[in-house]
PDB file of all heavy atoms in Angstrom:
ATOM      1  N   GLU A   1       0.830  -1.207   0.000  1.00  0.00           N
ATOM      2  CA  GLU A   1       0.000   0.000   0.000  1.00  0.00           C
ATOM      3  C   GLU A   1       0.862   1.254   0.000  1.00  0.00           C
ATOM      4  O   GLU A   1       0.590   2.213  -0.732  1.00  0.00           O
ATOM      5  CB  GLU A   1      -0.943  -0.010   1.213  1.00  0.00           C
ATOM      6  CG  GLU A   1      -1.760   1.251   1.378  1.00  0.00           C
ATOM      7  CD  GLU A   1      -2.672   1.589   0.202  1.00  0.00           C
ATOM      8  OE1 GLU A   1      -3.007   0.698  -0.603  1.00  0.00           O
ATOM      9  OE2 GLU A   1      -3.056   2.773   0.075  1.00  0.00           O
ATOM     10  N   VAL A   2       1.918   1.262   0.790  1.00  0.00           N
ATOM     11  CA  VAL A   2       2.820   2.419   0.829  1.00  0.00           C
ATOM     12  C   VAL A   2       3.523   2.574  -0.518  1.00  0.00           C
ATOM     13  O   VAL A   2       3.664   3.694  -1.025  1.00  0.00           O
ATOM     14  CB  VAL A   2       3.840   2.289   1.989  1.00  0.00           C
ATOM     15  CG1 VAL A   2       4.930   3.325   1.878  1.00  0.00           C
ATOM     16  CG2 VAL A   2       3.138   2.418   3.326  1.00  0.00           C
ATOM     17  N   ILE A   3       3.927   1.477  -1.121  1.00  0.00           N
ATOM     18  CA  ILE A   3       4.574   1.530  -2.440  1.00  0.00           C
ATOM     19  C   ILE A   3       3.610   2.105  -3.474  1.00  0.00           C
ATOM     20  O   ILE A   3       3.997   2.926  -4.312  1.00  0.00           O
ATOM     21  CB  ILE A   3       5.086   0.129  -2.851  1.00  0.00           C
ATOM     22  CG1 ILE A   3       6.268  -0.263  -1.956  1.00  0.00           C
ATOM     23  CG2 ILE A   3       5.489   0.092  -4.319  1.00  0.00           C
ATOM     24  CD1 ILE A   3       6.701  -1.707  -2.090  1.00  0.00           C
ATOM     25  N   ARG A   4       2.340   1.694  -3.393  1.00  0.00           N
ATOM     26  CA  ARG A   4       1.322   2.219  -4.308  1.00  0.00           C
ATOM     27  C   ARG A   4       1.161   3.732  -4.121  1.00  0.00           C
ATOM     28  O   ARG A   4       1.073   4.490  -5.084  1.00  0.00           O
ATOM     29  CB  ARG A   4      -0.027   1.512  -4.079  1.00  0.00           C
ATOM     30  CG  ARG A   4      -1.105   1.934  -5.089  1.00  0.00           C
ATOM     31  CD  ARG A   4      -2.501   1.548  -4.648  1.00  0.00           C
ATOM     32  NE  ARG A   4      -2.905   2.154  -3.393  1.00  0.00           N
ATOM     33  CZ  ARG A   4      -3.250   3.436  -3.246  1.00  0.00           C
ATOM     34  NH1 ARG A   4      -3.215   4.264  -4.261  1.00  0.00           N
ATOM     35  NH2 ARG A   4      -3.623   3.909  -2.068  1.00  0.00           N
ATOM     36  N   GLN A   5       1.172   4.186  -2.870  1.00  0.00           N
ATOM     37  CA  GLN A   5       1.039   5.620  -2.593  1.00  0.00           C
ATOM     38  C   GLN A   5       2.228   6.401  -3.143  1.00  0.00           C
ATOM     39  O   GLN A   5       2.069   7.501  -3.677  1.00  0.00           O
ATOM     40  CB  GLN A   5       0.912   5.858  -1.083  1.00  0.00           C
ATOM     41  CG  GLN A   5      -0.395   5.386  -0.505  1.00  0.00           C
ATOM     42  CD  GLN A   5      -0.426   5.477   1.017  1.00  0.00           C
ATOM     43  OE1 GLN A   5       0.540   5.912   1.662  1.00  0.00           O
ATOM     44  NE2 GLN A   5      -1.531   5.050   1.595  1.00  0.00           N
ATOM     45  N   ILE A   6       3.424   5.837  -3.045  1.00  0.00           N
ATOM     46  CA  ILE A   6       4.624   6.500  -3.580  1.00  0.00           C
ATOM     47  C   ILE A   6       4.526   6.607  -5.095  1.00  0.00           C
ATOM     48  O   ILE A   6       4.798   7.663  -5.679  1.00  0.00           O
ATOM     49  CB  ILE A   6       5.907   5.751  -3.153  1.00  0.00           C
ATOM     50  CG1 ILE A   6       6.135   5.915  -1.655  1.00  0.00           C
ATOM     51  CG2 ILE A   6       7.120   6.243  -3.938  1.00  0.00           C
ATOM     52  CD1 ILE A   6       7.238   5.035  -1.086  1.00  0.00           C
ATOM     53  N   GLN A   7       4.133   5.512  -5.745  1.00  0.00           N
ATOM     54  CA  GLN A   7       3.997   5.527  -7.202  1.00  0.00           C
ATOM     55  C   GLN A   7       2.940   6.531  -7.650  1.00  0.00           C
ATOM     56  O   GLN A   7       3.136   7.264  -8.632  1.00  0.00           O
ATOM     57  CB  GLN A   7       3.644   4.124  -7.718  1.00  0.00           C
ATOM     58  CG  GLN A   7       4.794   3.157  -7.618  1.00  0.00           C
ATOM     59  CD  GLN A   7       4.393   1.729  -7.958  1.00  0.00           C
ATOM     60  OE1 GLN A   7       3.233   1.366  -7.893  1.00  0.00           O
ATOM     61  NE2 GLN A   7       5.396   0.924  -8.304  1.00  0.00           N
ATOM     62  N   GLU A   8       1.847   6.578  -6.922  1.00  0.00           N
ATOM     63  CA  GLU A   8       0.771   7.517  -7.260  1.00  0.00           C
ATOM     64  C   GLU A   8       1.260   8.962  -7.126  1.00  0.00           C
ATOM     65  O   GLU A   8       0.961   9.811  -7.971  1.00  0.00           O
ATOM     66  CB  GLU A   8      -0.409   7.268  -6.315  1.00  0.00           C
ATOM     67  CG  GLU A   8      -1.690   7.951  -6.728  1.00  0.00           C
ATOM     68  CD  GLU A   8      -2.823   7.548  -5.799  1.00  0.00           C
ATOM     69  OE1 GLU A   8      -3.269   6.386  -5.874  1.00  0.00           O
ATOM     70  OE2 GLU A   8      -3.254   8.411  -4.998  1.00  0.00           O
ATOM     71  N   ALA A   9       2.012   9.240  -6.079  1.00  0.00           N
ATOM     72  CA  ALA A   9       2.536  10.584  -5.865  1.00  0.00           C
ATOM     73  C   ALA A   9       3.569  10.947  -6.932  1.00  0.00           C
ATOM     74  O   ALA A   9       3.625  12.104  -7.384  1.00  0.00           O
ATOM     75  CB  ALA A   9       3.147  10.692  -4.473  1.00  0.00           C
ATOM     76  N   ARG A  10       4.374   9.983  -7.354  1.00  0.00           N
ATOM     77  CA  ARG A  10       5.374  10.227  -8.403  1.00  0.00           C
ATOM     78  C   ARG A  10       4.720  10.656  -9.705  1.00  0.00           C
ATOM     79  O   ARG A  10       5.246  11.477 -10.436  1.00  0.00           O
ATOM     80  CB  ARG A  10       6.168   8.943  -8.664  1.00  0.00           C
ATOM     81  CG  ARG A  10       7.414   8.849  -7.891  1.00  0.00           C
ATOM     82  CD  ARG A  10       8.292   7.737  -8.454  1.00  0.00           C
ATOM     83  NE  ARG A  10       9.345   7.474  -7.510  1.00  0.00           N
ATOM     84  CZ  ARG A  10       9.726   6.290  -7.121  1.00  0.00           C
ATOM     85  NH1 ARG A  10       9.168   5.211  -7.613  1.00  0.00           N
ATOM     86  NH2 ARG A  10      10.692   6.147  -6.245  1.00  0.00           N
ATOM     87  N   GLU A  11       3.591  10.045  -9.992  1.00  0.00           N
ATOM     88  CA  GLU A  11       2.889  10.332 -11.252  1.00  0.00           C
ATOM     89  C   GLU A  11       2.335  11.746 -11.302  1.00  0.00           C
ATOM     90  O   GLU A  11       1.968  12.231 -12.368  1.00  0.00           O
ATOM     91  CB  GLU A  11       1.763   9.312 -11.455  1.00  0.00           C
ATOM     92  CG  GLU A  11       2.288   7.913 -11.712  1.00  0.00           C
ATOM     93  CD  GLU A  11       1.200   6.845 -11.667  1.00  0.00           C
ATOM     94  OE1 GLU A  11       0.014   7.191 -11.447  1.00  0.00           O
ATOM     95  OE2 GLU A  11       1.542   5.667 -11.843  1.00  0.00           O
ATOM     96  N   LYS A  12       2.301  12.409 -10.164  1.00  0.00           N
ATOM     97  CA  LYS A  12       1.743  13.765 -10.116  1.00  0.00           C
ATOM     98  C   LYS A  12       2.766  14.834 -10.479  1.00  0.00           C
ATOM     99  O   LYS A  12       2.463  16.005 -10.433  1.00  0.00           O
ATOM    100  CB  LYS A  12       1.146  14.040  -8.739  1.00  0.00           C
ATOM    101  CG  LYS A  12      -0.078  13.172  -8.497  1.00  0.00           C
ATOM    102  CD  LYS A  12      -0.740  13.487  -7.201  1.00  0.00           C
ATOM    103  CE  LYS A  12      -1.981  12.605  -7.070  1.00  0.00           C
ATOM    104  NZ  LYS A  12      -2.635  12.736  -5.817  1.00  0.00           N
ATOM    105  N   GLY A  13       3.982  14.409 -10.801  1.00  0.00           N
ATOM    106  CA  GLY A  13       4.944  15.387 -11.321  1.00  0.00           C
ATOM    107  C   GLY A  13       6.080  15.708 -10.383  1.00  0.00           C
ATOM    108  O   GLY A  13       6.638  14.831  -9.743  1.00  0.00           O
ATOM    109  N   ASP A  14       6.427  16.993 -10.316  1.00  0.00           N
ATOM    110  CA  ASP A  14       7.593  17.512  -9.603  1.00  0.00           C
ATOM    111  C   ASP A  14       7.671  17.002  -8.162  1.00  0.00           C
ATOM    112  O   ASP A  14       6.853  17.342  -7.319  1.00  0.00           O
ATOM    113  CB  ASP A  14       7.540  19.046  -9.616  1.00  0.00           C
ATOM    114  CG  ASP A  14       8.787  19.673  -9.021  1.00  0.00           C
ATOM    115  OD1 ASP A  14       9.760  18.944  -8.780  1.00  0.00           O
ATOM    116  OD2 ASP A  14       8.774  20.898  -8.811  1.00  0.00           O
ATOM    117  N   LEU A  15       8.680  16.199  -7.888  1.00  0.00           N
ATOM    118  CA  LEU A  15       8.810  15.589  -6.564  1.00  0.00           C
ATOM    119  C   LEU A  15       9.330  16.562  -5.513  1.00  0.00           C
ATOM    120  O   LEU A  15       9.116  16.368  -4.326  1.00  0.00           O
ATOM    121  CB  LEU A  15       9.730  14.366  -6.628  1.00  0.00           C
ATOM    122  CG  LEU A  15       9.263  13.212  -7.517  1.00  0.00           C
ATOM    123  CD1 LEU A  15      10.278  12.081  -7.460  1.00  0.00           C
ATOM    124  CD2 LEU A  15       7.895  12.715  -7.111  1.00  0.00           C
ATOM    125  N   SER A  16      10.002  17.615  -5.943  1.00  0.00           N
ATOM    126  CA  SER A  16      10.590  18.556  -4.990  1.00  0.00           C
ATOM    127  C   SER A  16       9.533  19.327  -4.211  1.00  0.00           C
ATOM    128  O   SER A  16       9.786  19.781  -3.102  1.00  0.00           O
ATOM    129  CB  SER A  16      11.535  19.527  -5.695  1.00  0.00           C
ATOM    130  OG  SER A  16      10.804  20.331  -6.606  1.00  0.00           O
ATOM    131  N   GLU A  17       8.340  19.482  -4.757  1.00  0.00           N
ATOM    132  CA  GLU A  17       7.280  20.222  -4.076  1.00  0.00           C
ATOM    133  C   GLU A  17       6.043  19.351  -3.878  1.00  0.00           C
ATOM    134  O   GLU A  17       4.933  19.849  -3.803  1.00  0.00           O
ATOM    135  CB  GLU A  17       6.921  21.477  -4.879  1.00  0.00           C
ATOM    136  CG  GLU A  17       8.054  22.472  -4.965  1.00  0.00           C
ATOM    137  CD  GLU A  17       7.675  23.705  -5.768  1.00  0.00           C
ATOM    138  OE1 GLU A  17       6.486  23.952  -5.974  1.00  0.00           O
ATOM    139  OE2 GLU A  17       8.608  24.415  -6.176  1.00  0.00           O
ATOM    140  N   ASN A  18       6.237  18.053  -3.774  1.00  0.00           N
ATOM    141  CA  ASN A  18       5.120  17.118  -3.695  1.00  0.00           C
ATOM    142  C   ASN A  18       5.002  16.594  -2.259  1.00  0.00           C
ATOM    143  O   ASN A  18       5.723  15.693  -1.848  1.00  0.00           O
ATOM    144  CB  ASN A  18       5.350  15.965  -4.688  1.00  0.00           C
ATOM    145  CG  ASN A  18       4.144  15.084  -4.837  1.00  0.00           C
ATOM    146  OD1 ASN A  18       3.368  14.926  -3.912  1.00  0.00           O
ATOM    147  ND2 ASN A  18       4.000  14.495  -6.014  1.00  0.00           N
ATOM    148  N   ALA A  19       4.068  17.171  -1.506  1.00  0.00           N
ATOM    149  CA  ALA A  19       3.879  16.792  -0.105  1.00  0.00           C
ATOM    150  C   ALA A  19       3.403  15.350   0.032  1.00  0.00           C
ATOM    151  O   ALA A  19       3.774  14.652   0.976  1.00  0.00           O
ATOM    152  CB  ALA A  19       2.883  17.731   0.564  1.00  0.00           C
ATOM    153  N   GLU A  20       2.594  14.902  -0.914  1.00  0.00           N
ATOM    154  CA  GLU A  20       2.103  13.515  -0.865  1.00  0.00           C
ATOM    155  C   GLU A  20       3.279  12.544  -0.979  1.00  0.00           C
ATOM    156  O   GLU A  20       3.318  11.529  -0.281  1.00  0.00           O
ATOM    157  CB  GLU A  20       1.121  13.244  -2.009  1.00  0.00           C
ATOM    158  CG  GLU A  20      -0.262  13.797  -1.776  1.00  0.00           C
ATOM    159  CD  GLU A  20      -1.184  13.474  -2.941  1.00  0.00           C
ATOM    160  OE1 GLU A  20      -1.245  12.309  -3.356  1.00  0.00           O
ATOM    161  OE2 GLU A  20      -1.836  14.407  -3.428  1.00  0.00           O
ATOM    162  N   TYR A  21       4.211  12.847  -1.869  1.00  0.00           N
ATOM    163  CA  TYR A  21       5.386  11.998  -2.066  1.00  0.00           C
ATOM    164  C   TYR A  21       6.221  11.959  -0.783  1.00  0.00           C
ATOM    165  O   TYR A  21       6.624  10.890  -0.326  1.00  0.00           O
ATOM    166  CB  TYR A  21       6.218  12.502  -3.236  1.00  0.00           C
ATOM    167  CG  TYR A  21       7.470  11.696  -3.488  1.00  0.00           C
ATOM    168  CD1 TYR A  21       7.409  10.460  -4.125  1.00  0.00           C
ATOM    169  CD2 TYR A  21       8.711  12.162  -3.072  1.00  0.00           C
ATOM    170  CE1 TYR A  21       8.551   9.707  -4.343  1.00  0.00           C
ATOM    171  CE2 TYR A  21       9.862  11.418  -3.283  1.00  0.00           C
ATOM    172  CZ  TYR A  21       9.778  10.196  -3.927  1.00  0.00           C
ATOM    173  OH  TYR A  21      10.913   9.450  -4.138  1.00  0.00           O
ATOM    174  N   ASP A  22       6.458  13.135  -0.195  1.00  0.00           N
ATOM    175  CA  ASP A  22       7.241  13.211   1.039  1.00  0.00           C
ATOM    176  C   ASP A  22       6.576  12.415   2.157  1.00  0.00           C
ATOM    177  O   ASP A  22       7.242  11.682   2.893  1.00  0.00           O
ATOM    178  CB  ASP A  22       7.420  14.670   1.481  1.00  0.00           C
ATOM    179  CG  ASP A  22       8.311  15.460   0.529  1.00  0.00           C
ATOM    180  OD1 ASP A  22       9.081  14.829  -0.230  1.00  0.00           O
ATOM    181  OD2 ASP A  22       8.227  16.697   0.541  1.00  0.00           O
ATOM    182  N   ALA A  23       5.264  12.543   2.285  1.00  0.00           N
ATOM    183  CA  ALA A  23       4.529  11.814   3.329  1.00  0.00           C
ATOM    184  C   ALA A  23       4.595  10.309   3.098  1.00  0.00           C
ATOM    185  O   ALA A  23       4.786   9.531   4.043  1.00  0.00           O
ATOM    186  CB  ALA A  23       3.077  12.287   3.371  1.00  0.00           C
ATOM    187  N   ALA A  24       4.458   9.880   1.860  1.00  0.00           N
ATOM    188  CA  ALA A  24       4.511   8.454   1.539  1.00  0.00           C
ATOM    189  C   ALA A  24       5.907   7.893   1.796  1.00  0.00           C
ATOM    190  O   ALA A  24       6.048   6.775   2.313  1.00  0.00           O
ATOM    191  CB  ALA A  24       4.093   8.223   0.090  1.00  0.00           C
ATOM    192  N   LYS A  25       6.950   8.641   1.466  1.00  0.00           N
ATOM    193  CA  LYS A  25       8.322   8.190   1.714  1.00  0.00           C
ATOM    194  C   LYS A  25       8.587   8.101   3.232  1.00  0.00           C
ATOM    195  O   LYS A  25       9.245   7.178   3.695  1.00  0.00           O
ATOM    196  CB  LYS A  25       9.344   9.119   1.055  1.00  0.00           C
ATOM    197  CG  LYS A  25       9.409   9.013  -0.454  1.00  0.00           C
ATOM    198  CD  LYS A  25       9.836   7.654  -0.941  1.00  0.00           C
ATOM    199  CE  LYS A  25      11.314   7.457  -0.838  1.00  0.00           C
ATOM    200  NZ  LYS A  25      11.763   6.144  -1.368  1.00  0.00           N
ATOM    201  N   GLU A  26       8.065   9.059   3.974  1.00  0.00           N
ATOM    202  CA  GLU A  26       8.226   9.034   5.424  1.00  0.00           C
ATOM    203  C   GLU A  26       7.503   7.819   6.016  1.00  0.00           C
ATOM    204  O   GLU A  26       8.035   7.126   6.888  1.00  0.00           O
ATOM    205  CB  GLU A  26       7.678  10.320   6.046  1.00  0.00           C
ATOM    206  CG  GLU A  26       7.915  10.403   7.539  1.00  0.00           C
ATOM    207  CD  GLU A  26       7.453  11.716   8.137  1.00  0.00           C
ATOM    208  OE1 GLU A  26       7.452  12.746   7.446  1.00  0.00           O
ATOM    209  OE2 GLU A  26       7.086  11.697   9.329  1.00  0.00           O
ATOM    210  N   ALA A  27       6.302   7.555   5.531  1.00  0.00           N
ATOM    211  CA  ALA A  27       5.538   6.386   5.990  1.00  0.00           C
ATOM    212  C   ALA A  27       6.290   5.104   5.658  1.00  0.00           C
ATOM    213  O   ALA A  27       6.323   4.161   6.460  1.00  0.00           O
ATOM    214  CB  ALA A  27       4.151   6.375   5.360  1.00  0.00           C
ATOM    215  N   GLN A  28       6.916   5.067   4.488  1.00  0.00           N
ATOM    216  CA  GLN A  28       7.687   3.889   4.089  1.00  0.00           C
ATOM    217  C   GLN A  28       8.868   3.682   5.048  1.00  0.00           C
ATOM    218  O   GLN A  28       9.144   2.563   5.475  1.00  0.00           O
ATOM    219  CB  GLN A  28       8.192   4.042   2.656  1.00  0.00           C
ATOM    220  CG  GLN A  28       8.976   2.829   2.182  1.00  0.00           C
ATOM    221  CD  GLN A  28       9.576   3.032   0.798  1.00  0.00           C
ATOM    222  OE1 GLN A  28       9.984   4.134   0.445  1.00  0.00           O
ATOM    223  NE2 GLN A  28       9.607   1.952   0.019  1.00  0.00           N
ATOM    224  N   GLY A  29       9.551   4.745   5.387  1.00  0.00           N
ATOM    225  CA  GLY A  29      10.687   4.656   6.305  1.00  0.00           C
ATOM    226  C   GLY A  29      10.265   4.126   7.672  1.00  0.00           C
ATOM    227  O   GLY A  29      10.927   3.259   8.248  1.00  0.00           O
ATOM    228  N   LYS A  30       9.146   4.642   8.190  1.00  0.00           N
ATOM    229  CA  LYS A  30       8.653   4.187   9.493  1.00  0.00           C
ATOM    230  C   LYS A  30       8.238   2.718   9.433  1.00  0.00           C
ATOM    231  O   LYS A  30       8.500   1.953  10.364  1.00  0.00           O
ATOM    232  CB  LYS A  30       7.474   5.050   9.942  1.00  0.00           C
ATOM    233  CG  LYS A  30       7.870   6.440  10.367  1.00  0.00           C
ATOM    234  CD  LYS A  30       6.675   7.264  10.789  1.00  0.00           C
ATOM    235  CE  LYS A  30       7.094   8.670  11.187  1.00  0.00           C
ATOM    236  NZ  LYS A  30       5.938   9.500  11.542  1.00  0.00           N
ATOM    237  N   LEU A  31       7.594   2.335   8.347  1.00  0.00           N
ATOM    238  CA  LEU A  31       7.150   0.957   8.181  1.00  0.00           C
ATOM    239  C   LEU A  31       8.339   0.007   8.130  1.00  0.00           C
ATOM    240  O   LEU A  31       8.352  -1.032   8.805  1.00  0.00           O
ATOM    241  CB  LEU A  31       6.303   0.823   6.905  1.00  0.00           C
ATOM    242  CG  LEU A  31       5.793  -0.574   6.581  1.00  0.00           C
ATOM    243  CD1 LEU A  31       4.785  -1.023   7.618  1.00  0.00           C
ATOM    244  CD2 LEU A  31       5.161  -0.594   5.199  1.00  0.00           C
ATOM    245  N   GLU A  32       9.350   0.357   7.344  1.00  0.00           N
ATOM    246  CA  GLU A  32      10.525  -0.501   7.226  1.00  0.00           C
ATOM    247  C   GLU A  32      11.271  -0.612   8.562  1.00  0.00           C
ATOM    248  O   GLU A  32      11.782  -1.681   8.905  1.00  0.00           O
ATOM    249  CB  GLU A  32      11.458   0.006   6.122  1.00  0.00           C
ATOM    250  CG  GLU A  32      10.871  -0.098   4.727  1.00  0.00           C
ATOM    251  CD  GLU A  32      10.454  -1.508   4.312  1.00  0.00           C
ATOM    252  OE1 GLU A  32      11.095  -2.486   4.756  1.00  0.00           O
ATOM    253  OE2 GLU A  32       9.479  -1.634   3.558  1.00  0.00           O
ATOM    254  N   THR A  33      11.303   0.487   9.332  1.00  0.00           N
ATOM    255  CA  THR A  33      11.934   0.457  10.649  1.00  0.00           C
ATOM    256  C   THR A  33      11.178  -0.490  11.574  1.00  0.00           C
ATOM    257  O   THR A  33      11.784  -1.296  12.289  1.00  0.00           O
ATOM    258  CB  THR A  33      11.985   1.879  11.255  1.00  0.00           C
ATOM    259  OG1 THR A  33      12.773   2.715  10.405  1.00  0.00           O
ATOM    260  CG2 THR A  33      12.571   1.870  12.655  1.00  0.00           C
ATOM    261  N   LYS A  34       9.860  -0.395  11.553  1.00  0.00           N
ATOM    262  CA  LYS A  34       9.042  -1.263  12.407  1.00  0.00           C
ATOM    263  C   LYS A  34       9.216  -2.730  12.024  1.00  0.00           C
ATOM    264  O   LYS A  34       9.354  -3.589  12.902  1.00  0.00           O
ATOM    265  CB  LYS A  34       7.564  -0.872  12.309  1.00  0.00           C
ATOM    266  CG  LYS A  34       6.685  -1.638  13.261  1.00  0.00           C
ATOM    267  CD  LYS A  34       5.299  -1.070  13.333  1.00  0.00           C
ATOM    268  CE  LYS A  34       4.505  -1.807  14.402  1.00  0.00           C
ATOM    269  NZ  LYS A  34       3.242  -1.202  14.675  1.00  0.00           N
ATOM    270  N   ILE A  35       9.237  -3.021  10.735  1.00  0.00           N
ATOM    271  CA  ILE A  35       9.439  -4.400  10.274  1.00  0.00           C
ATOM    272  C   ILE A  35      10.796  -4.912  10.768  1.00  0.00           C
ATOM    273  O   ILE A  35      10.900  -6.034  11.276  1.00  0.00           O
ATOM    274  CB  ILE A  35       9.327  -4.504   8.740  1.00  0.00           C
ATOM    275  CG1 ILE A  35       7.869  -4.297   8.301  1.00  0.00           C
ATOM    276  CG2 ILE A  35       9.853  -5.851   8.239  1.00  0.00           C
ATOM    277  CD1 ILE A  35       7.684  -4.148   6.797  1.00  0.00           C
ATOM    278  N   ALA A  36      11.820  -4.098  10.635  1.00  0.00           N
ATOM    279  CA  ALA A  36      13.165  -4.502  11.065  1.00  0.00           C
ATOM    280  C   ALA A  36      13.208  -4.756  12.574  1.00  0.00           C
ATOM    281  O   ALA A  36      13.818  -5.738  13.033  1.00  0.00           O
ATOM    282  CB  ALA A  36      14.189  -3.435  10.677  1.00  0.00           C
ATOM    283  N   GLU A  37      12.546  -3.902  13.360  1.00  0.00           N
ATOM    284  CA  GLU A  37      12.516  -4.081  14.810  1.00  0.00           C
ATOM    285  C   GLU A  37      11.802  -5.372  15.193  1.00  0.00           C
ATOM    286  O   GLU A  37      12.256  -6.113  16.067  1.00  0.00           O
ATOM    287  CB  GLU A  37      11.832  -2.885  15.485  1.00  0.00           C
ATOM    288  CG  GLU A  37      12.651  -1.621  15.469  1.00  0.00           C
ATOM    289  CD  GLU A  37      11.879  -0.393  15.942  1.00  0.00           C
ATOM    290  OE1 GLU A  37      10.653  -0.487  16.197  1.00  0.00           O
ATOM    291  OE2 GLU A  37      12.500   0.669  16.061  1.00  0.00           O
ATOM    292  N   LEU A  38      10.673  -5.635  14.547  1.00  0.00           N
ATOM    293  CA  LEU A  38       9.916  -6.849  14.850  1.00  0.00           C
ATOM    294  C   LEU A  38      10.684  -8.102  14.453  1.00  0.00           C
ATOM    295  O   LEU A  38      10.690  -9.100  15.181  1.00  0.00           O
ATOM    296  CB  LEU A  38       8.551  -6.816  14.157  1.00  0.00           C
ATOM    297  CG  LEU A  38       7.569  -5.763  14.667  1.00  0.00           C
ATOM    298  CD1 LEU A  38       6.307  -5.761  13.824  1.00  0.00           C
ATOM    299  CD2 LEU A  38       7.231  -5.989  16.128  1.00  0.00           C
ATOM    300  N   LYS A  39      11.363  -8.046  13.310  1.00  0.00           N
ATOM    301  CA  LYS A  39      12.161  -9.192  12.877  1.00  0.00           C
ATOM    302  C   LYS A  39      13.321  -9.438  13.842  1.00  0.00           C
ATOM    303  O   LYS A  39      13.671 -10.585  14.118  1.00  0.00           O
ATOM    304  CB  LYS A  39      12.681  -8.986  11.451  1.00  0.00           C
ATOM    305  CG  LYS A  39      11.627  -9.244  10.399  1.00  0.00           C
ATOM    306  CD  LYS A  39      12.225  -9.160   9.010  1.00  0.00           C
ATOM    307  CE  LYS A  39      11.217  -9.622   7.967  1.00  0.00           C
ATOM    308  NZ  LYS A  39      11.780  -9.634   6.628  1.00  0.00           N
ATOM    309  N   ALA A  40      13.913  -8.368  14.354  1.00  0.00           N
ATOM    310  CA  ALA A  40      15.001  -8.516  15.331  1.00  0.00           C
ATOM    311  C   ALA A  40      14.473  -9.151  16.617  1.00  0.00           C
ATOM    312  O   ALA A  40      15.127 -10.031  17.193  1.00  0.00           O
ATOM    313  CB  ALA A  40      15.632  -7.158  15.628  1.00  0.00           C
TER     314      ALA A  40
END
């Protein structure tokens, strides 16, 4: 779902001013951190 949100935000154009893209990337980072912690 997070990957889908990132792809959707990318399709909207300029990534430097794309708040949706930034939010999706941040969500991805938090998700990956949580997965890594749980696996540990």
